[in-house]
Amino acid sequence: TIVAIFALAFDSVDIDSDDFDDMRIGAAGTDLPAVKETFREQFEQKYTYPALEIAYLAIDKKFQSLHLGSALVEEIASMARNQRYAGCVFLTVRAWHTSNYSAVGFYEKNQFAKLSPVPQMDVWPMYKTIWPKE
């Protein structure tokens, strides 16, 4: 029995100074990346950052109340931190958001922040810091 499936893809995310300000004051829904203070200004002057996209994530309905999705998101974040092919700073997802179904709440519970104030078609672009500042 297959309980869950997911697919990943390398991605990039555009983060601007307003997004970093929101992270700093706790309004973003995700954490400020762990960057040495001596490099923070230079780091935040970039516009595009490497990311790992959760292209899809699905849990069998019979198993959806067991927090398997959250466990998979954390495992994916761990994989992104430990993989050797790209220095990913964020996870990204295009969360389904329709009148009948929305995955946005699930991703917000897992510390993803919205990348735009409104959804794009039937998805809401979101991101999560995988190297949070402690």
C-alpha atoms as a PDB file:
ATOM      1  CA  THR A   1       0.000   0.000   0.000  1.00  0.00           C
ATOM      2  CA  ILE A   2       1.326   3.398  -0.959  1.00  0.00           C
ATOM      3  CA  VAL A   3       0.612   5.846   1.857  1.00  0.00           C
ATOM      4  CA  ALA A   4       2.310   8.977   0.483  1.00  0.00           C
ATOM      5  CA  ILE A   5       4.117  10.269  -2.572  1.00  0.00           C
ATOM      6  CA  PHE A   6       6.161  13.360  -3.265  1.00  0.00           C
ATOM      7  CA  ALA A   7       8.429  14.779  -5.939  1.00  0.00           C
ATOM      8  CA  LEU A   8      11.131  17.425  -5.696  1.00  0.00           C
ATOM      9  CA  ALA A   9      12.771  19.798  -8.164  1.00  0.00           C
ATOM     10  CA  PHE A  10      15.490  22.408  -7.881  1.00  0.00           C
ATOM     11  CA  ASP A  11      13.991  25.888  -7.908  1.00  0.00           C
ATOM     12  CA  SER A  12      14.753  29.481  -7.016  1.00  0.00           C
ATOM     13  CA  VAL A  13      12.767  32.014  -5.065  1.00  0.00           C
ATOM     14  CA  ASP A  14      12.702  35.807  -5.306  1.00  0.00           C
ATOM     15  CA  ILE A  15      12.871  37.406  -1.859  1.00  0.00           C
ATOM     16  CA  ASP A  16      13.037  41.171  -1.407  1.00  0.00           C
ATOM     17  CA  SER A  17      13.857  43.458   1.521  1.00  0.00           C
ATOM     18  CA  ASP A  18      10.190  43.635   2.578  1.00  0.00           C
ATOM     19  CA  ASP A  19      10.136  39.826   2.882  1.00  0.00           C
ATOM     20  CA  PHE A  20      13.265  39.903   5.060  1.00  0.00           C
ATOM     21  CA  ASP A  21      11.719  42.672   7.192  1.00  0.00           C
ATOM     22  CA  ASP A  22       8.620  40.496   7.658  1.00  0.00           C
ATOM     23  CA  MET A  23      10.840  37.559   8.685  1.00  0.00           C
ATOM     24  CA  ARG A  24      12.676  39.776  11.179  1.00  0.00           C
ATOM     25  CA  ILE A  25       9.492  40.868  12.959  1.00  0.00           C
ATOM     26  CA  GLY A  26       7.826  37.454  12.784  1.00  0.00           C
ATOM     27  CA  ALA A  27       5.141  38.490  10.296  1.00  0.00           C
ATOM     28  CA  ALA A  28       6.265  36.249   7.422  1.00  0.00           C
ATOM     29  CA  GLY A  29       5.244  32.856   8.777  1.00  0.00           C
ATOM     30  CA  THR A  30       8.770  31.528   8.222  1.00  0.00           C
ATOM     31  CA  ASP A  31      12.099  32.200   9.910  1.00  0.00           C
ATOM     32  CA  LEU A  32      14.968  34.482   9.002  1.00  0.00           C
ATOM     33  CA  PRO A  33      17.761  32.381   7.425  1.00  0.00           C
ATOM     34  CA  ALA A  34      20.807  31.618   9.566  1.00  0.00           C
ATOM     35  CA  VAL A  35      23.476  33.892   8.134  1.00  0.00           C
ATOM     36  CA  LYS A  36      26.443  35.295  10.049  1.00  0.00           C
ATOM     37  CA  GLU A  37      25.720  38.926  10.858  1.00  0.00           C
ATOM     38  CA  THR A  38      28.917  39.990   9.062  1.00  0.00           C
ATOM     39  CA  PHE A  39      27.433  38.590   5.820  1.00  0.00           C
ATOM     40  CA  ARG A  40      23.739  39.401   6.391  1.00  0.00           C
ATOM     41  CA  GLU A  41      23.695  42.703   4.465  1.00  0.00           C
ATOM     42  CA  GLN A  42      25.418  41.138   1.455  1.00  0.00           C
ATOM     43  CA  PHE A  43      23.148  38.071   1.639  1.00  0.00           C
ATOM     44  CA  GLU A  44      19.960  40.136   1.771  1.00  0.00           C
ATOM     45  CA  GLN A  45      21.016  42.283  -1.202  1.00  0.00           C
ATOM     46  CA  LYS A  46      20.554  39.307  -3.503  1.00  0.00           C
ATOM     47  CA  TYR A  47      17.164  38.922  -5.111  1.00  0.00           C
ATOM     48  CA  THR A  48      17.065  35.276  -6.174  1.00  0.00           C
ATOM     49  CA  TYR A  49      17.912  32.424  -3.791  1.00  0.00           C
ATOM     50  CA  PRO A  50      18.361  28.692  -4.458  1.00  0.00           C
ATOM     51  CA  ALA A  51      15.494  26.500  -3.307  1.00  0.00           C
ATOM     52  CA  LEU A  52      14.137  22.985  -3.463  1.00  0.00           C
ATOM     53  CA  GLU A  53      10.555  22.792  -4.706  1.00  0.00           C
ATOM     54  CA  ILE A  54       8.028  20.306  -3.421  1.00  0.00           C
ATOM     55  CA  ALA A  55       6.526  19.668  -6.851  1.00  0.00           C
ATOM     56  CA  TYR A  56       3.809  17.545  -5.307  1.00  0.00           C
ATOM     57  CA  LEU A  57       3.034  15.935  -1.973  1.00  0.00           C
ATOM     58  CA  ALA A  58       0.045  13.654  -1.452  1.00  0.00           C
ATOM     59  CA  ILE A  59      -1.076  11.492   1.462  1.00  0.00           C
ATOM     60  CA  ASP A  60      -3.690   8.733   1.112  1.00  0.00           C
ATOM     61  CA  LYS A  61      -6.951  10.042   2.648  1.00  0.00           C
ATOM     62  CA  LYS A  62      -7.024   7.144   5.143  1.00  0.00           C
ATOM     63  CA  PHE A  63      -3.742   8.398   6.622  1.00  0.00           C
ATOM     64  CA  GLN A  64      -4.190  12.180   6.473  1.00  0.00           C
ATOM     65  CA  SER A  65      -4.837  12.731  10.189  1.00  0.00           C
ATOM     66  CA  LEU A  66      -1.589  11.071  11.299  1.00  0.00           C
ATOM     67  CA  HIS A  67       0.704  14.089  10.617  1.00  0.00           C
ATOM     68  CA  LEU A  68       2.564  12.177   7.906  1.00  0.00           C
ATOM     69  CA  GLY A  69       2.524  15.245   5.641  1.00  0.00           C
ATOM     70  CA  SER A  70       4.274  17.353   8.271  1.00  0.00           C
ATOM     71  CA  ALA A  71       6.803  14.577   8.877  1.00  0.00           C
ATOM     72  CA  LEU A  72       7.489  14.398   5.136  1.00  0.00           C
ATOM     73  CA  VAL A  73       7.934  18.182   4.895  1.00  0.00           C
ATOM     74  CA  GLU A  74      10.509  18.016   7.702  1.00  0.00           C
ATOM     75  CA  GLU A  75      12.269  15.068   6.033  1.00  0.00           C
ATOM     76  CA  ILE A  76      12.328  16.972   2.729  1.00  0.00           C
ATOM     77  CA  ALA A  77      13.819  20.002   4.540  1.00  0.00           C
ATOM     78  CA  SER A  78      16.467  17.709   6.032  1.00  0.00           C
ATOM     79  CA  MET A  79      17.211  16.262   2.582  1.00  0.00           C
ATOM     80  CA  ALA A  80      17.574  19.801   1.195  1.00  0.00           C
ATOM     81  CA  ARG A  81      19.978  20.769   3.991  1.00  0.00           C
ATOM     82  CA  ASN A  82      22.107  17.662   3.460  1.00  0.00           C
ATOM     83  CA  GLN A  83      22.164  17.239  -0.328  1.00  0.00           C
ATOM     84  CA  ARG A  84      25.421  18.165  -2.065  1.00  0.00           C
ATOM     85  CA  TYR A  85      24.280  19.417  -5.465  1.00  0.00           C
ATOM     86  CA  ALA A  86      22.962  22.893  -4.664  1.00  0.00           C
ATOM     87  CA  GLY A  87      23.126  25.183  -1.642  1.00  0.00           C
ATOM     88  CA  CYS A  88      19.398  25.492  -1.031  1.00  0.00           C
ATOM     89  CA  VAL A  89      18.233  28.108   1.461  1.00  0.00           C
ATOM     90  CA  PHE A  90      14.465  27.669   1.049  1.00  0.00           C
ATOM     91  CA  LEU A  91      11.800  25.105   0.240  1.00  0.00           C
ATOM     92  CA  THR A  92       9.133  26.260  -2.191  1.00  0.00           C
ATOM     93  CA  VAL A  93       5.701  24.954  -3.044  1.00  0.00           C
ATOM     94  CA  ARG A  94       2.820  26.018  -5.218  1.00  0.00           C
ATOM     95  CA  ALA A  95      -0.008  25.135  -2.839  1.00  0.00           C
ATOM     96  CA  TRP A  96      -3.353  24.272  -4.416  1.00  0.00           C
ATOM     97  CA  HIS A  97      -5.952  26.882  -3.549  1.00  0.00           C
ATOM     98  CA  THR A  98      -9.401  26.498  -5.124  1.00  0.00           C
ATOM     99  CA  SER A  99     -12.977  27.004  -3.977  1.00  0.00           C
ATOM    100  CA  ASN A 100     -13.188  23.256  -3.190  1.00  0.00           C
ATOM    101  CA  TYR A 101      -9.772  22.604  -1.658  1.00  0.00           C
ATOM    102  CA  SER A 102      -6.826  24.513  -0.262  1.00  0.00           C
ATOM    103  CA  ALA A 103      -3.459  23.208   0.936  1.00  0.00           C
ATOM    104  CA  VAL A 104      -2.392  26.687   2.109  1.00  0.00           C
ATOM    105  CA  GLY A 105      -3.368  26.042   5.757  1.00  0.00           C
ATOM    106  CA  PHE A 106      -1.315  22.842   5.837  1.00  0.00           C
ATOM    107  CA  TYR A 107       1.773  24.623   4.556  1.00  0.00           C
ATOM    108  CA  GLU A 108       1.264  27.588   6.905  1.00  0.00           C
ATOM    109  CA  LYS A 109       1.180  25.112   9.838  1.00  0.00           C
ATOM    110  CA  ASN A 110       4.541  23.882   8.549  1.00  0.00           C
ATOM    111  CA  GLN A 111       6.099  27.390   8.597  1.00  0.00           C
ATOM    112  CA  PHE A 112       5.665  28.264   4.933  1.00  0.00           C
ATOM    113  CA  ALA A 113       4.991  31.906   4.061  1.00  0.00           C
ATOM    114  CA  LYS A 114       3.052  33.219   1.084  1.00  0.00           C
ATOM    115  CA  LEU A 115       5.210  34.731  -1.652  1.00  0.00           C
ATOM    116  CA  SER A 116       2.424  36.905  -3.017  1.00  0.00           C
ATOM    117  CA  PRO A 117      -0.589  38.648  -1.492  1.00  0.00           C
ATOM    118  CA  VAL A 118      -2.961  36.810  -3.859  1.00  0.00           C
ATOM    119  CA  PRO A 119      -2.969  33.329  -5.419  1.00  0.00           C
ATOM    120  CA  GLN A 120      -1.858  32.832  -9.000  1.00  0.00           C
ATOM    121  CA  MET A 121      -4.624  30.962 -10.820  1.00  0.00           C
ATOM    122  CA  ASP A 122      -5.296  27.897  -8.609  1.00  0.00           C
ATOM    123  CA  VAL A 123      -2.017  27.896  -6.669  1.00  0.00           C
ATOM    124  CA  TRP A 124      -0.449  30.051  -3.997  1.00  0.00           C
ATOM    125  CA  PRO A 125       3.370  30.261  -4.208  1.00  0.00           C
ATOM    126  CA  MET A 126       4.894  29.719  -0.764  1.00  0.00           C
ATOM    127  CA  TYR A 127       8.361  29.331   0.760  1.00  0.00           C
ATOM    128  CA  LYS A 128       9.982  28.061   3.963  1.00  0.00           C
ATOM    129  CA  THR A 129      13.427  28.792   5.383  1.00  0.00           C
ATOM    130  CA  ILE A 130      15.364  25.544   5.830  1.00  0.00           C
ATOM    131  CA  TRP A 131      18.309  27.135   7.635  1.00  0.00           C
ATOM    132  CA  PRO A 132      16.439  29.106  10.348  1.00  0.00           C
ATOM    133  CA  LYS A 133      18.256  31.614  12.501  1.00  0.00           C
ATOM    134  CA  GLU A 134      18.336  30.370  16.079  1.00  0.00           C
END
